[in-house]
Protein backbone atom coordinates (compact mmCIF):
# COMPACT_ATOMS: atom_id res chain seq x y z
CA MET A 1 -18.98 6.39 -12.58
CA GLU A 2 -20.24 2.86 -12.95
CA GLU A 3 -16.68 1.63 -13.35
CA LEU A 4 -15.62 3.43 -10.14
CA SER A 5 -18.51 1.88 -8.28
CA LYS A 6 -17.39 -1.58 -9.49
CA ALA A 7 -13.83 -0.87 -8.48
CA LEU A 8 -14.93 0.34 -5.02
CA ALA A 9 -17.15 -2.79 -4.56
CA PHE A 10 -14.25 -5.01 -5.62
CA PHE A 11 -11.98 -3.54 -2.96
CA GLY A 12 -14.68 -3.57 -0.29
CA GLU A 13 -15.31 0.11 -0.22
CA ASP A 14 -18.70 1.85 0.17
CA SER A 15 -19.50 3.48 -3.14
CA LYS A 16 -21.82 5.96 -1.42
CA ALA A 17 -19.27 7.03 1.17
CA THR A 18 -15.94 6.84 -0.68
CA THR A 19 -14.87 9.61 -3.12
CA SER A 20 -12.69 8.90 -6.09
CA GLU A 21 -10.03 11.13 -4.48
CA ALA A 22 -10.03 9.08 -1.29
CA PHE A 23 -10.01 5.76 -3.19
CA PHE A 24 -7.12 6.69 -5.48
CA GLY A 25 -5.34 8.38 -2.62
CA ILE A 26 -5.09 5.01 -0.96
CA PHE A 27 -3.17 3.69 -3.97
CA ALA A 28 -1.00 6.73 -4.24
CA GLU A 29 -0.04 6.41 -0.57
CA PHE A 30 0.66 2.71 -0.95
CA MET A 31 2.91 3.33 -4.00
CA SER A 32 4.78 6.08 -2.15
CA LYS A 33 5.43 3.85 0.85
CA PHE A 34 6.31 0.81 -1.34
CA GLU A 35 8.85 2.86 -3.28
CA ARG A 36 10.36 4.18 0.00
CA ALA A 37 10.65 0.61 1.39
CA LEU A 38 12.23 -0.64 -1.83
CA SER A 39 14.77 2.17 -1.81
CA ASP A 40 15.56 1.51 1.89
CA LEU A 41 16.06 -2.20 1.16
CA GLN A 42 18.25 -1.46 -1.81
CA ALA A 43 20.31 0.95 0.21
CA GLY A 44 20.84 -1.69 2.90
CA GLU A 45 18.58 -0.07 5.45
CA GLY A 46 16.17 -2.94 5.68
CA PRO A 47 15.36 -5.02 8.75
CA ARG A 48 18.01 -7.57 7.95
CA SER A 49 20.83 -5.01 8.13
CA SER A 50 19.63 -3.84 11.56
CA GLY A 51 20.00 -7.23 13.09
CA MET A 52 16.35 -8.12 13.22
CA ALA A 53 15.51 -11.72 12.51
CA SER A 54 13.12 -12.63 9.75
CA PRO A 55 9.59 -13.37 10.95
CA LEU A 56 9.93 -16.70 9.24
CA ALA A 57 12.71 -17.60 11.65
CA TRP A 58 10.46 -17.06 14.70
């Protein structure tokens, strides 16, 4: 559990209030959304194909 406490502290989470399930759930959700975004971009469904300008162009 010491390793989990160190990881929680590194990412700014409260080790007393955050469970391992909640902590790793954050990563699981991120990975799922990232993979979905990557698939959308590879399929041509990204913001560039919908006519939206890049934020860098603003």
